[in-house]
Amino acid sequence: MKNTIDVRGLSCPEPLLKLKQALEKQGDGGVAFSSQSKESNTPVPLLQIELLTESQSVVDNCTRFAESKGFSVATVGENGEYTMTIKKR
């Protein structure tokens, strides 16, 4: 399941607060086992957060925050738009 947060046009600290709220809703990372993964004992994340922004400073701030809380962050940037994918490690 993916949760998309569009923070384009918002100024700090608003994007960070929206991410914090989403991470708090996620709690422990929402890890479960699908029918396929039970056999291999591989956890499957139930929730992935996708954050959309046009600000490099938002990317930097949200990456630092998410990583400090134990989440992994992958960011793709194209034409001044960034898509951050955040999930529990």
Protein backbone atom coordinates (compact mmCIF):
# COMPACT_ATOMS: atom_id res chain seq x y z
CA MET A 1 0.00 0.00 0.00
CA LYS A 2 1.36 3.43 -0.93
CA ASN A 3 0.53 6.77 0.67
CA THR A 4 1.30 9.81 -1.53
CA ILE A 5 1.92 13.20 0.05
CA ASP A 6 2.10 16.17 -2.32
CA VAL A 7 3.99 19.01 -0.65
CA ARG A 8 4.79 20.96 -3.81
CA GLY A 9 4.46 24.68 -3.13
CA LEU A 10 4.62 24.29 0.65
CA SER A 11 7.31 25.97 2.74
CA CYS A 12 9.26 24.41 5.59
CA PRO A 13 8.40 23.24 8.15
CA GLU A 14 5.04 22.20 6.65
CA PRO A 15 6.40 19.38 4.41
CA LEU A 16 8.36 17.93 7.31
CA LEU A 17 5.30 18.06 9.59
CA LYS A 18 3.20 16.25 6.97
CA LEU A 19 5.86 13.56 6.65
CA LYS A 20 6.11 13.24 10.44
CA GLN A 21 2.33 12.71 10.67
CA ALA A 22 2.44 10.05 7.96
CA LEU A 23 5.34 8.23 9.63
CA GLU A 24 3.54 8.30 12.98
CA LYS A 25 0.47 6.75 11.35
CA GLN A 26 2.74 4.04 9.93
CA GLY A 27 3.93 3.21 13.44
CA ASP A 28 6.35 0.29 13.49
CA GLY A 29 6.61 0.17 9.73
CA GLY A 30 3.53 -1.88 9.04
CA VAL A 31 5.47 -5.07 8.34
CA ALA A 32 3.53 -8.23 7.53
CA PHE A 33 4.01 -11.43 5.59
CA SER A 34 2.24 -12.07 2.30
CA SER A 35 1.28 -15.62 1.37
CA GLN A 36 4.34 -15.84 -0.88
CA SER A 37 6.75 -14.30 1.60
CA LYS A 38 5.76 -16.62 4.48
CA GLU A 39 7.51 -19.43 2.70
CA SER A 40 10.75 -17.46 2.43
CA ASN A 41 10.19 -15.64 5.74
CA THR A 42 10.73 -12.29 4.03
CA PRO A 43 8.81 -9.34 5.52
CA VAL A 44 6.81 -7.21 3.10
CA PRO A 45 6.21 -3.54 3.98
CA LEU A 46 2.51 -2.73 4.01
CA LEU A 47 3.04 0.98 3.68
CA GLN A 48 5.31 3.04 1.53
CA ILE A 49 5.22 6.81 1.58
CA GLU A 50 5.77 8.76 -1.60
CA LEU A 51 6.50 12.45 -1.09
CA LEU A 52 6.34 14.86 -4.05
CA THR A 53 8.22 18.17 -3.93
CA GLU A 54 10.05 20.68 -6.09
CA SER A 55 12.42 21.80 -3.34
CA GLN A 56 15.89 20.37 -2.78
CA SER A 57 15.83 21.68 0.80
CA VAL A 58 12.63 19.70 1.47
CA VAL A 59 14.34 16.59 0.07
CA ASP A 60 17.37 17.19 2.31
CA ASN A 61 15.35 17.91 5.47
CA CYS A 62 12.85 15.07 5.00
CA THR A 63 15.63 12.59 4.15
CA ARG A 64 17.54 13.45 7.33
CA PHE A 65 14.39 13.20 9.43
CA ALA A 66 13.17 9.90 7.94
CA GLU A 67 16.59 8.26 8.16
CA SER A 68 16.93 9.35 11.81
CA LYS A 69 13.67 7.48 12.49
CA GLY A 70 14.90 4.27 10.84
CA PHE A 71 13.37 4.67 7.39
CA SER A 72 15.13 4.28 4.06
CA VAL A 73 14.74 7.02 1.47
CA ALA A 74 15.17 6.84 -2.30
CA THR A 75 14.83 10.06 -4.29
CA VAL A 76 14.40 10.54 -8.02
CA GLY A 77 14.60 14.05 -9.47
CA GLU A 78 13.58 15.16 -12.91
CA ASN A 79 12.93 18.64 -14.34
CA GLY A 80 12.99 20.26 -10.89
CA GLU A 81 10.48 17.77 -9.45
CA TYR A 82 11.46 15.19 -6.84
CA THR A 83 9.75 11.97 -5.84
CA MET A 84 10.87 10.56 -2.52
CA THR A 85 10.05 6.97 -1.63
CA ILE A 86 10.19 6.35 2.12
CA LYS A 87 9.82 2.96 3.80
CA LYS A 88 10.87 1.18 6.97
CA ARG A 89 14.32 -0.46 6.82
